[in-house]
Amino acid sequence: TLIPKEEMVGRTVVVKLVGTVPTRFEGNSYNIPVVVRVPQKYPSMQGGIPEIYVNPTPDMQIKQNHRNVDRNGLVYCQYLSGWEETKYLKELVMKVIEVFEGEPPVYAVARPRPA
């Protein structure tokens, strides 16, 4: 589930979608936390291409050397690299889900136990 939110960046209001995307991997279901930043010029090819970031919770870590997610959580996929003004956010999210189902971008980390 992705919920629209607004954020002020300087004097500009930026729309972002915040939440999780459902994935399945090796028979298990996971909800990957993400943020989709939608630029003001969306869907223009000039400064309007959306960005998706994996946004791990405190008990998650981004998988190192993931082929589609950099260490800052920025997601790369074929759908984005071939962006056209006729493409849609819904399709983008579906493509990202497919990528995550091939290789999850995060893994659980143990929380330290209180002493």
N, C-alpha and C. Protein backbone atom coordinates (compact mmCIF):
# COMPACT_ATOMS: atom_id res chain seq x y z
N THR A 1 0.84 -1.18 0.00
CA THR A 1 0.00 0.00 0.00
C THR A 1 0.89 1.24 0.00
N LEU A 2 0.63 2.12 -0.94
CA LEU A 2 1.39 3.37 -1.03
C LEU A 2 0.45 4.54 -0.78
N ILE A 3 0.86 5.42 0.11
CA ILE A 3 0.04 6.56 0.50
C ILE A 3 0.70 7.85 0.01
N PRO A 4 -0.06 8.72 -0.70
CA PRO A 4 0.53 9.97 -1.17
C PRO A 4 0.78 10.94 -0.02
N LYS A 5 1.93 11.60 -0.06
CA LYS A 5 2.30 12.62 0.92
C LYS A 5 2.96 13.76 0.18
N GLU A 6 2.94 14.93 0.80
CA GLU A 6 3.61 16.09 0.23
C GLU A 6 4.78 16.48 1.12
N GLU A 7 5.84 16.97 0.50
CA GLU A 7 7.03 17.39 1.22
C GLU A 7 7.50 18.71 0.61
N MET A 8 7.87 19.64 1.46
CA MET A 8 8.41 20.91 0.97
C MET A 8 9.91 20.77 0.77
N VAL A 9 10.36 21.05 -0.43
CA VAL A 9 11.78 21.08 -0.76
C VAL A 9 12.06 22.49 -1.25
N GLY A 10 12.62 23.32 -0.36
CA GLY A 10 12.75 24.74 -0.67
C GLY A 10 11.36 25.34 -0.74
N ARG A 11 11.02 25.91 -1.87
CA ARG A 11 9.68 26.48 -2.08
C ARG A 11 8.80 25.59 -2.92
N THR A 12 9.28 24.39 -3.18
CA THR A 12 8.57 23.47 -4.06
C THR A 12 7.91 22.35 -3.26
N VAL A 13 6.68 22.06 -3.60
CA VAL A 13 5.99 20.93 -2.99
C VAL A 13 6.29 19.70 -3.85
N VAL A 14 6.84 18.66 -3.20
CA VAL A 14 7.15 17.42 -3.89
C VAL A 14 6.17 16.35 -3.40
N VAL A 15 5.60 15.63 -4.35
CA VAL A 15 4.69 14.55 -4.00
C VAL A 15 5.48 13.26 -3.95
N LYS A 16 5.21 12.46 -2.92
CA LYS A 16 5.84 11.15 -2.83
C LYS A 16 4.80 10.14 -2.37
N LEU A 17 5.02 8.91 -2.74
CA LEU A 17 4.19 7.81 -2.31
C LEU A 17 5.01 7.00 -1.32
N VAL A 18 4.48 6.79 -0.13
CA VAL A 18 5.22 6.13 0.94
C VAL A 18 4.44 4.92 1.41
N GLY A 19 5.14 3.81 1.57
CA GLY A 19 4.48 2.61 2.07
C GLY A 19 5.27 1.37 1.73
N THR A 20 4.55 0.29 1.44
CA THR A 20 5.20 -0.98 1.12
C THR A 20 4.66 -1.55 -0.18
N VAL A 21 5.49 -2.38 -0.80
CA VAL A 21 5.04 -3.14 -1.96
C VAL A 21 5.13 -4.62 -1.60
N PRO A 22 4.10 -5.39 -1.95
CA PRO A 22 4.09 -6.81 -1.60
C PRO A 22 4.95 -7.61 -2.57
N THR A 23 5.71 -8.56 -2.03
CA THR A 23 6.50 -9.45 -2.88
C THR A 23 6.43 -10.86 -2.32
N ARG A 24 6.77 -11.80 -3.17
CA ARG A 24 6.89 -13.20 -2.75
C ARG A 24 8.27 -13.67 -3.15
N PHE A 25 8.89 -14.42 -2.27
CA PHE A 25 10.21 -14.97 -2.55
C PHE A 25 10.32 -16.32 -1.85
N GLU A 26 10.63 -17.33 -2.63
CA GLU A 26 10.77 -18.69 -2.11
C GLU A 26 9.58 -19.10 -1.25
N GLY A 27 8.38 -18.78 -1.73
CA GLY A 27 7.16 -19.19 -1.06
C GLY A 27 6.72 -18.34 0.11
N ASN A 28 7.48 -17.32 0.46
CA ASN A 28 7.13 -16.44 1.58
C ASN A 28 6.70 -15.07 1.06
N SER A 29 5.82 -14.42 1.80
CA SER A 29 5.35 -13.07 1.45
C SER A 29 6.09 -12.03 2.27
N TYR A 30 6.46 -10.94 1.61
CA TYR A 30 7.17 -9.85 2.27
C TYR A 30 6.56 -8.52 1.82
N ASN A 31 6.69 -7.52 2.67
CA ASN A 31 6.30 -6.16 2.32
C ASN A 31 7.56 -5.31 2.37
N ILE A 32 7.99 -4.84 1.21
CA ILE A 32 9.22 -4.07 1.10
C ILE A 32 8.87 -2.59 1.24
N PRO A 33 9.44 -1.89 2.23
CA PRO A 33 9.14 -0.47 2.39
C PRO A 33 9.84 0.37 1.32
N VAL A 34 9.06 1.23 0.68
CA VAL A 34 9.60 2.07 -0.39
C VAL A 34 9.05 3.49 -0.31
N VAL A 35 9.76 4.38 -0.99
CA VAL A 35 9.30 5.76 -1.21
C VAL A 35 9.43 6.02 -2.70
N VAL A 36 8.34 6.47 -3.32
CA VAL A 36 8.35 6.84 -4.74
C VAL A 36 8.28 8.36 -4.79
N ARG A 37 9.32 8.99 -5.32
CA ARG A 37 9.33 10.45 -5.45
C ARG A 37 8.83 10.80 -6.85
N VAL A 38 7.81 11.64 -6.87
CA VAL A 38 7.18 12.03 -8.13
C VAL A 38 7.54 13.49 -8.39
N PRO A 39 8.42 13.77 -9.37
CA PRO A 39 8.83 15.15 -9.62
C PRO A 39 7.68 16.00 -10.16
N GLN A 40 7.80 17.30 -9.97
CA GLN A 40 6.77 18.23 -10.46
C GLN A 40 6.53 18.08 -11.95
N LYS A 41 7.57 17.79 -12.70
CA LYS A 41 7.44 17.71 -14.16
C LYS A 41 7.00 16.33 -14.65
N TYR A 42 6.65 15.42 -13.73
CA TYR A 42 6.18 14.09 -14.11
C TYR A 42 5.03 14.23 -15.09
N PRO A 43 4.98 13.48 -16.16
CA PRO A 43 5.85 12.39 -16.58
C PRO A 43 6.90 12.80 -17.62
N SER A 44 7.23 14.06 -17.69
CA SER A 44 8.16 14.56 -18.72
C SER A 44 9.50 13.84 -18.67
N MET A 45 10.11 13.66 -19.83
CA MET A 45 11.44 13.06 -19.92
C MET A 45 12.49 14.01 -19.36
N GLN A 46 12.21 15.30 -19.35
CA GLN A 46 13.15 16.31 -18.86
C GLN A 46 12.82 16.67 -17.42
N GLY A 47 13.41 15.98 -16.49
CA GLY A 47 13.22 16.28 -15.07
C GLY A 47 11.94 15.76 -14.46
N GLY A 48 11.27 14.84 -15.15
CA GLY A 48 10.01 14.33 -14.62
C GLY A 48 9.99 12.83 -14.40
N ILE A 49 11.15 12.21 -14.41
CA ILE A 49 11.21 10.76 -14.22
C ILE A 49 11.15 10.45 -12.73
N PRO A 50 10.21 9.60 -12.30
CA PRO A 50 10.10 9.29 -10.87
C PRO A 50 11.31 8.49 -10.38
N GLU A 51 11.53 8.52 -9.08
CA GLU A 51 12.58 7.74 -8.44
C GLU A 51 11.94 6.87 -7.37
N ILE A 52 12.43 5.65 -7.24
CA ILE A 52 11.96 4.76 -6.18
C ILE A 52 13.15 4.42 -5.29
N TYR A 53 12.91 4.53 -3.99
CA TYR A 53 13.93 4.19 -3.00
C TYR A 53 13.40 3.10 -2.08
N VAL A 54 14.22 2.11 -1.80
CA VAL A 54 13.90 1.17 -0.73
C VAL A 54 14.18 1.92 0.57
N ASN A 55 13.25 1.84 1.50
CA ASN A 55 13.31 2.61 2.74
C ASN A 55 13.28 1.64 3.92
N PRO A 56 14.41 0.98 4.21
CA PRO A 56 14.39 -0.08 5.23
C PRO A 56 14.01 0.42 6.62
N THR A 57 13.31 -0.44 7.34
CA THR A 57 12.97 -0.17 8.73
C THR A 57 14.22 -0.40 9.58
N PRO A 58 14.19 -0.03 10.87
CA PRO A 58 15.38 -0.24 11.71
C PRO A 58 15.84 -1.70 11.81
N ASP A 59 14.93 -2.64 11.58
CA ASP A 59 15.33 -4.05 11.66
C ASP A 59 15.60 -4.67 10.28
N MET A 60 15.88 -3.81 9.31
CA MET A 60 16.22 -4.26 7.95
C MET A 60 17.49 -3.57 7.49
N GLN A 61 18.14 -4.20 6.53
CA GLN A 61 19.32 -3.60 5.91
C GLN A 61 19.26 -3.87 4.41
N ILE A 62 19.73 -2.91 3.62
CA ILE A 62 19.76 -3.09 2.17
C ILE A 62 20.84 -4.11 1.82
N LYS A 63 20.49 -5.04 0.98
CA LYS A 63 21.43 -6.08 0.57
C LYS A 63 22.56 -5.45 -0.24
N GLN A 64 23.79 -5.72 0.17
CA GLN A 64 24.95 -5.19 -0.55
C GLN A 64 25.05 -5.84 -1.92
N ASN A 65 25.51 -5.06 -2.88
CA ASN A 65 25.71 -5.53 -4.25
C ASN A 65 24.45 -6.07 -4.91
N HIS A 66 23.30 -5.53 -4.52
CA HIS A 66 22.05 -5.91 -5.19
C HIS A 66 22.11 -5.35 -6.60
N ARG A 67 21.71 -6.12 -7.56
CA ARG A 67 21.86 -5.67 -8.96
C ARG A 67 20.91 -4.55 -9.36
N ASN A 68 19.84 -4.32 -8.55
CA ASN A 68 18.87 -3.28 -8.91
C ASN A 68 18.70 -2.19 -7.86
N VAL A 69 19.42 -2.29 -6.74
CA VAL A 69 19.27 -1.30 -5.67
C VAL A 69 20.67 -0.91 -5.19
N ASP A 70 20.95 0.40 -5.20
CA ASP A 70 22.27 0.82 -4.73
C ASP A 70 22.28 0.93 -3.21
N ARG A 71 23.43 1.24 -2.64
CA ARG A 71 23.56 1.24 -1.18
C ARG A 71 22.73 2.32 -0.50
N ASN A 72 22.27 3.32 -1.27
CA ASN A 72 21.39 4.36 -0.73
C ASN A 72 19.91 4.01 -0.88
N GLY A 73 19.64 2.86 -1.50
CA GLY A 73 18.27 2.41 -1.67
C GLY A 73 17.64 2.78 -3.00
N LEU A 74 18.35 3.53 -3.85
CA LEU A 74 17.80 3.91 -5.14
C LEU A 74 17.63 2.67 -6.02
N VAL A 75 16.43 2.52 -6.58
CA VAL A 75 16.09 1.35 -7.39
C VAL A 75 16.35 1.66 -8.87
N TYR A 76 17.00 0.72 -9.53
CA TYR A 76 17.24 0.79 -10.97
C TYR A 76 16.51 -0.36 -11.62
N CYS A 77 15.81 -0.09 -12.73
CA CYS A 77 15.18 -1.18 -13.47
C CYS A 77 15.00 -0.74 -14.93
N GLN A 78 14.81 -1.72 -15.77
CA GLN A 78 14.67 -1.49 -17.21
C GLN A 78 13.54 -0.50 -17.51
N TYR A 79 12.43 -0.64 -16.78
CA TYR A 79 11.27 0.23 -17.01
C TYR A 79 11.63 1.69 -16.82
N LEU A 80 12.43 1.99 -15.81
CA LEU A 80 12.85 3.37 -15.57
C LEU A 80 13.88 3.85 -16.59
N SER A 81 14.81 2.96 -16.95
CA SER A 81 15.86 3.39 -17.86
C SER A 81 15.31 3.67 -19.26
N GLY A 82 14.18 3.08 -19.58
CA GLY A 82 13.53 3.35 -20.86
C GLY A 82 12.32 4.24 -20.70
N TRP A 83 12.39 5.17 -19.74
CA TRP A 83 11.23 6.01 -19.41
C TRP A 83 10.74 6.81 -20.61
N GLU A 84 9.43 6.82 -20.78
CA GLU A 84 8.75 7.63 -21.79
C GLU A 84 7.58 8.31 -21.11
N GLU A 85 7.15 9.41 -21.66
CA GLU A 85 6.05 10.17 -21.06
C GLU A 85 4.73 9.42 -21.05
N THR A 86 4.65 8.32 -21.79
CA THR A 86 3.41 7.54 -21.84
C THR A 86 3.37 6.44 -20.77
N LYS A 87 4.43 6.35 -19.96
CA LYS A 87 4.47 5.31 -18.92
C LYS A 87 3.76 5.78 -17.66
N TYR A 88 3.36 4.80 -16.84
CA TYR A 88 2.56 5.09 -15.65
C TYR A 88 3.23 4.62 -14.37
N LEU A 89 2.91 5.30 -13.26
CA LEU A 89 3.46 4.91 -11.97
C LEU A 89 3.02 3.51 -11.56
N LYS A 90 1.78 3.15 -11.82
CA LYS A 90 1.29 1.83 -11.46
C LYS A 90 2.12 0.74 -12.14
N GLU A 91 2.40 0.91 -13.43
CA GLU A 91 3.22 -0.05 -14.15
C GLU A 91 4.63 -0.09 -13.57
N LEU A 92 5.17 1.07 -13.22
CA LEU A 92 6.50 1.14 -12.62
C LEU A 92 6.55 0.32 -11.33
N VAL A 93 5.56 0.50 -10.47
CA VAL A 93 5.53 -0.24 -9.21
C VAL A 93 5.43 -1.74 -9.48
N MET A 94 4.63 -2.14 -10.45
CA MET A 94 4.50 -3.56 -10.79
C MET A 94 5.84 -4.13 -11.28
N LYS A 95 6.57 -3.37 -12.05
CA LYS A 95 7.88 -3.83 -12.53
C LYS A 95 8.88 -3.95 -11.39
N VAL A 96 8.82 -3.02 -10.45
CA VAL A 96 9.70 -3.08 -9.28
C VAL A 96 9.37 -4.30 -8.43
N ILE A 97 8.09 -4.61 -8.28
CA ILE A 97 7.70 -5.82 -7.55
C ILE A 97 8.31 -7.05 -8.22
N GLU A 98 8.26 -7.11 -9.54
CA GLU A 98 8.87 -8.24 -10.26
C GLU A 98 10.36 -8.34 -9.97
N VAL A 99 11.04 -7.21 -9.96
CA VAL A 99 12.48 -7.19 -9.66
C VAL A 99 12.74 -7.72 -8.25
N PHE A 100 11.94 -7.25 -7.28
CA PHE A 100 12.13 -7.66 -5.90
C PHE A 100 11.80 -9.14 -5.69
N GLU A 101 10.88 -9.67 -6.48
CA GLU A 101 10.55 -11.09 -6.35
C GLU A 101 11.68 -11.97 -6.87
N GLY A 102 12.51 -11.44 -7.76
CA GLY A 102 13.67 -12.19 -8.23
C GLY A 102 14.80 -12.18 -7.23
N GLU A 103 14.94 -11.07 -6.51
CA GLU A 103 15.98 -10.92 -5.49
C GLU A 103 15.56 -9.82 -4.52
N PRO A 104 15.13 -10.18 -3.32
CA PRO A 104 14.72 -9.15 -2.36
C PRO A 104 15.85 -8.17 -2.08
N PRO A 105 15.54 -6.87 -1.95
CA PRO A 105 16.57 -5.87 -1.75
C PRO A 105 16.98 -5.66 -0.30
N VAL A 106 16.24 -6.25 0.63
CA VAL A 106 16.55 -6.07 2.05
C VAL A 106 16.57 -7.42 2.76
N TYR A 107 17.20 -7.43 3.92
CA TYR A 107 17.18 -8.61 4.77
C TYR A 107 17.05 -8.16 6.22
N ALA A 108 16.58 -9.06 7.05
CA ALA A 108 16.38 -8.74 8.46
C ALA A 108 17.71 -8.74 9.20
N VAL A 109 17.84 -7.83 10.13
CA VAL A 109 19.00 -7.80 11.02
C VAL A 109 18.50 -7.94 12.45
N ALA A 110 19.30 -8.59 13.26
CA ALA A 110 18.91 -8.80 14.65
C ALA A 110 19.03 -7.50 15.43
N ARG A 111 18.03 -7.24 16.22
CA ARG A 111 18.07 -6.07 17.10
C ARG A 111 18.82 -6.46 18.37
N PRO A 112 19.64 -5.57 18.89
CA PRO A 112 20.30 -5.88 20.15
C PRO A 112 19.26 -6.01 21.27
N ARG A 113 19.46 -6.97 22.11
CA ARG A 113 18.54 -7.15 23.24
C ARG A 113 18.90 -6.20 24.37
N PRO A 114 17.89 -5.63 25.01
CA PRO A 114 18.17 -4.74 26.13
C PRO A 114 18.86 -5.50 27.27
N ALA A 115 19.79 -4.83 27.91
CA ALA A 115 20.56 -5.48 29.00
C ALA A 115 19.78 -5.52 30.28
